[in-house]
Amino acid sequence: QVQLVESGGGLVQAGGSLRLSCVGSGRTINNYAMGWFRQALGKEREFVGAISGRSTYYGDSVKDRFTISRNNAENTVYLQMNSLKPEDTAVYYCAVDRDGRVWSTLPSEYTYWGQGTQVAVSS
């Protein structure tokens, strides 16, 4: 069993930055493949990016603006978001599959999810 807790969301003006954190407990998530997703009001959950080992992958809408990294000593994965746009407004989630071995762009492939953290970007 893995528990994930996101934090760092908030209200920011367009062009600003936020850093989200995803802290794991119950099991070490060091080197786990993990995904970040977001869900805007009335829309489906969207793939933001993933980290697997030292490799990172991003959705087209956030490429070159968002960066995923991890701190194994703190059992934490980060999502650094720069040049934020109003369309980035959503609840952001981190997720991991049952064994932490595989990442996917599909939410259905993930087993454990955090509770989400709200990001709001004003124009």
C-alpha atoms as a PDB file:
ATOM      1  CA  GLN A   1       0.000   0.000   0.000  1.00  0.00           C
ATOM      2  CA  VAL A   2       1.276   3.446  -0.928  1.00  0.00           C
ATOM      3  CA  GLN A   3      -0.107   6.730   0.297  1.00  0.00           C
ATOM      4  CA  LEU A   4       0.569   9.831  -1.767  1.00  0.00           C
ATOM      5  CA  VAL A   5       0.032  13.402  -0.621  1.00  0.00           C
ATOM      6  CA  GLU A   6       0.297  16.381  -2.954  1.00  0.00           C
ATOM      7  CA  SER A   7       0.906  19.932  -1.812  1.00  0.00           C
ATOM      8  CA  GLY A   8       2.028  23.270  -3.180  1.00  0.00           C
ATOM      9  CA  GLY A   9      -1.015  24.327  -5.133  1.00  0.00           C
ATOM     10  CA  GLY A  10      -2.475  27.796  -4.967  1.00  0.00           C
ATOM     11  CA  LEU A  11      -3.482  30.887  -6.903  1.00  0.00           C
ATOM     12  CA  VAL A  12      -0.928  32.483  -9.203  1.00  0.00           C
ATOM     13  CA  GLN A  13      -0.997  35.045 -11.997  1.00  0.00           C
ATOM     14  CA  ALA A  14      -0.368  34.043 -15.585  1.00  0.00           C
ATOM     15  CA  GLY A  15       3.347  33.798 -16.242  1.00  0.00           C
ATOM     16  CA  GLY A  16       4.074  32.797 -12.665  1.00  0.00           C
ATOM     17  CA  SER A  17       5.445  29.581 -11.207  1.00  0.00           C
ATOM     18  CA  LEU A  18       4.504  26.957  -8.662  1.00  0.00           C
ATOM     19  CA  ARG A  19       6.203  23.822  -7.414  1.00  0.00           C
ATOM     20  CA  LEU A  20       4.037  20.888  -6.450  1.00  0.00           C
ATOM     21  CA  SER A  21       5.256  18.116  -4.184  1.00  0.00           C
ATOM     22  CA  CYS A  22       4.134  14.516  -3.967  1.00  0.00           C
ATOM     23  CA  VAL A  23       5.269  12.768  -0.800  1.00  0.00           C
ATOM     24  CA  GLY A  24       5.015   9.005  -0.539  1.00  0.00           C
ATOM     25  CA  SER A  25       4.503   6.936   2.585  1.00  0.00           C
ATOM     26  CA  GLY A  26       3.802   3.330   3.421  1.00  0.00           C
ATOM     27  CA  ARG A  27       6.426   2.268   0.949  1.00  0.00           C
ATOM     28  CA  THR A  28       9.447   3.988  -0.465  1.00  0.00           C
ATOM     29  CA  ILE A  29       8.760   5.494  -3.867  1.00  0.00           C
ATOM     30  CA  ASN A  30      12.418   5.991  -4.635  1.00  0.00           C
ATOM     31  CA  ASN A  31      12.963   5.245  -8.292  1.00  0.00           C
ATOM     32  CA  TYR A  32       9.323   4.317  -8.784  1.00  0.00           C
ATOM     33  CA  ALA A  33       7.799   5.296 -12.102  1.00  0.00           C
ATOM     34  CA  MET A  34       5.295   8.013 -11.219  1.00  0.00           C
ATOM     35  CA  GLY A  35       2.868  10.118 -13.132  1.00  0.00           C
ATOM     36  CA  TRP A  36       1.365  13.562 -12.758  1.00  0.00           C
ATOM     37  CA  PHE A  37      -2.138  14.253 -14.016  1.00  0.00           C
ATOM     38  CA  ARG A  38      -4.548  17.140 -13.851  1.00  0.00           C
ATOM     39  CA  GLN A  39      -8.274  17.509 -14.097  1.00  0.00           C
ATOM     40  CA  ALA A  40     -10.017  20.751 -14.911  1.00  0.00           C
ATOM     41  CA  LEU A  41     -13.647  21.293 -13.984  1.00  0.00           C
ATOM     42  CA  GLY A  42     -15.888  19.381 -16.357  1.00  0.00           C
ATOM     43  CA  LYS A  43     -12.997  17.770 -18.222  1.00  0.00           C
ATOM     44  CA  GLU A  44     -11.321  14.387 -18.250  1.00  0.00           C
ATOM     45  CA  ARG A  45      -8.145  13.692 -16.336  1.00  0.00           C
ATOM     46  CA  GLU A  46      -5.158  14.694 -18.464  1.00  0.00           C
ATOM     47  CA  PHE A  47      -1.625  13.364 -18.492  1.00  0.00           C
ATOM     48  CA  VAL A  48       0.875  16.029 -17.459  1.00  0.00           C
ATOM     49  CA  GLY A  49       4.092  14.062 -17.204  1.00  0.00           C
ATOM     50  CA  ALA A  50       5.921  11.130 -15.677  1.00  0.00           C
ATOM     51  CA  ILE A  51       9.268  10.182 -14.266  1.00  0.00           C
ATOM     52  CA  SER A  52      10.852   6.766 -14.565  1.00  0.00           C
ATOM     53  CA  GLY A  53      14.345   6.346 -13.204  1.00  0.00           C
ATOM     54  CA  ARG A  54      16.112   9.422 -14.443  1.00  0.00           C
ATOM     55  CA  SER A  55      13.947   9.840 -17.518  1.00  0.00           C
ATOM     56  CA  THR A  56      11.056  12.263 -17.726  1.00  0.00           C
ATOM     57  CA  TYR A  57       8.149  12.503 -20.135  1.00  0.00           C
ATOM     58  CA  TYR A  58       5.690  15.324 -20.693  1.00  0.00           C
ATOM     59  CA  GLY A  59       2.370  15.992 -22.304  1.00  0.00           C
ATOM     60  CA  ASP A  60       2.432  18.325 -25.292  1.00  0.00           C
ATOM     61  CA  SER A  61       0.550  21.077 -23.506  1.00  0.00           C
ATOM     62  CA  VAL A  62       3.182  21.428 -20.764  1.00  0.00           C
ATOM     63  CA  LYS A  63       6.382  20.480 -22.567  1.00  0.00           C
ATOM     64  CA  ASP A  64       9.162  23.036 -22.091  1.00  0.00           C
ATOM     65  CA  ARG A  65       7.272  24.692 -19.218  1.00  0.00           C
ATOM     66  CA  PHE A  66       6.974  21.945 -16.593  1.00  0.00           C
ATOM     67  CA  THR A  67       9.749  19.842 -15.077  1.00  0.00           C
ATOM     68  CA  ILE A  68       9.506  16.686 -12.975  1.00  0.00           C
ATOM     69  CA  SER A  69      12.235  15.766 -10.522  1.00  0.00           C
ATOM     70  CA  ARG A  70      12.631  13.646  -7.416  1.00  0.00           C
ATOM     71  CA  ASN A  71      14.396  13.711  -4.076  1.00  0.00           C
ATOM     72  CA  ASN A  72      14.882  10.140  -2.942  1.00  0.00           C
ATOM     73  CA  ALA A  73      16.108  11.178   0.498  1.00  0.00           C
ATOM     74  CA  GLU A  74      12.708  12.777   1.097  1.00  0.00           C
ATOM     75  CA  ASN A  75      10.636  10.184  -0.766  1.00  0.00           C
ATOM     76  CA  THR A  76       9.263  13.049  -2.820  1.00  0.00           C
ATOM     77  CA  VAL A  77       8.567  13.801  -6.457  1.00  0.00           C
ATOM     78  CA  TYR A  78       8.223  17.401  -7.631  1.00  0.00           C
ATOM     79  CA  LEU A  79       6.412  19.126 -10.466  1.00  0.00           C
ATOM     80  CA  GLN A  80       7.937  22.515 -11.223  1.00  0.00           C
ATOM     81  CA  MET A  81       5.510  24.597 -13.265  1.00  0.00           C
ATOM     82  CA  ASN A  82       6.744  27.736 -15.012  1.00  0.00           C
ATOM     83  CA  SER A  83       5.123  30.189 -17.405  1.00  0.00           C
ATOM     84  CA  LEU A  84       1.726  29.203 -16.112  1.00  0.00           C
ATOM     85  CA  LYS A  85      -1.330  29.900 -18.212  1.00  0.00           C
ATOM     86  CA  PRO A  86      -5.010  30.172 -17.253  1.00  0.00           C
ATOM     87  CA  GLU A  87      -5.621  26.883 -19.060  1.00  0.00           C
ATOM     88  CA  ASP A  88      -3.314  25.181 -16.549  1.00  0.00           C
ATOM     89  CA  THR A  89      -6.000  25.695 -13.908  1.00  0.00           C
ATOM     90  CA  ALA A  90      -6.945  22.270 -12.554  1.00  0.00           C
ATOM     91  CA  VAL A  91      -6.602  19.870  -9.665  1.00  0.00           C
ATOM     92  CA  TYR A  92      -3.222  18.178  -9.942  1.00  0.00           C
ATOM     93  CA  TYR A  93      -2.639  14.577  -8.893  1.00  0.00           C
ATOM     94  CA  CYS A  94       0.352  12.302  -8.570  1.00  0.00           C
ATOM     95  CA  ALA A  95      -0.054   8.591  -9.103  1.00  0.00           C
ATOM     96  CA  VAL A  96       1.863   5.337  -9.161  1.00  0.00           C
ATOM     97  CA  ASP A  97       1.015   1.888 -10.455  1.00  0.00           C
ATOM     98  CA  ARG A  98       0.869  -1.151  -8.170  1.00  0.00           C
ATOM     99  CA  ASP A  99       4.572  -1.958  -8.358  1.00  0.00           C
ATOM    100  CA  GLY A 100       5.979   1.377  -9.411  1.00  0.00           C
ATOM    101  CA  ARG A 101       7.558  -0.153 -12.484  1.00  0.00           C
ATOM    102  CA  VAL A 102       5.567   1.297 -15.338  1.00  0.00           C
ATOM    103  CA  TRP A 103       4.416   4.759 -16.291  1.00  0.00           C
ATOM    104  CA  SER A 104       1.581   5.502 -18.669  1.00  0.00           C
ATOM    105  CA  THR A 105      -0.351   8.399 -20.123  1.00  0.00           C
ATOM    106  CA  LEU A 106      -3.566   6.594 -19.142  1.00  0.00           C
ATOM    107  CA  PRO A 107      -5.040   7.234 -15.685  1.00  0.00           C
ATOM    108  CA  SER A 108      -6.520   3.735 -15.663  1.00  0.00           C
ATOM    109  CA  GLU A 109      -3.010   2.242 -15.514  1.00  0.00           C
ATOM    110  CA  TYR A 110      -2.323   3.724 -12.085  1.00  0.00           C
ATOM    111  CA  THR A 111      -3.269   2.128  -8.783  1.00  0.00           C
ATOM    112  CA  TYR A 112      -2.520   4.707  -6.106  1.00  0.00           C
ATOM    113  CA  TRP A 113      -3.476   8.366  -6.238  1.00  0.00           C
ATOM    114  CA  GLY A 114      -3.048  11.351  -4.015  1.00  0.00           C
ATOM    115  CA  GLN A 115      -5.969  13.541  -2.983  1.00  0.00           C
ATOM    116  CA  GLY A 116      -4.978  16.312  -5.390  1.00  0.00           C
ATOM    117  CA  THR A 117      -3.959  19.920  -5.000  1.00  0.00           C
ATOM    118  CA  GLN A 118      -5.746  22.839  -6.664  1.00  0.00           C
ATOM    119  CA  VAL A 119      -3.870  25.147  -9.006  1.00  0.00           C
ATOM    120  CA  ALA A 120      -5.595  28.296 -10.220  1.00  0.00           C
ATOM    121  CA  VAL A 121      -3.994  30.648 -12.728  1.00  0.00           C
ATOM    122  CA  SER A 122      -5.513  34.080 -13.198  1.00  0.00           C
ATOM    123  CA  SER A 123      -5.217  36.079 -16.406  1.00  0.00           C
END
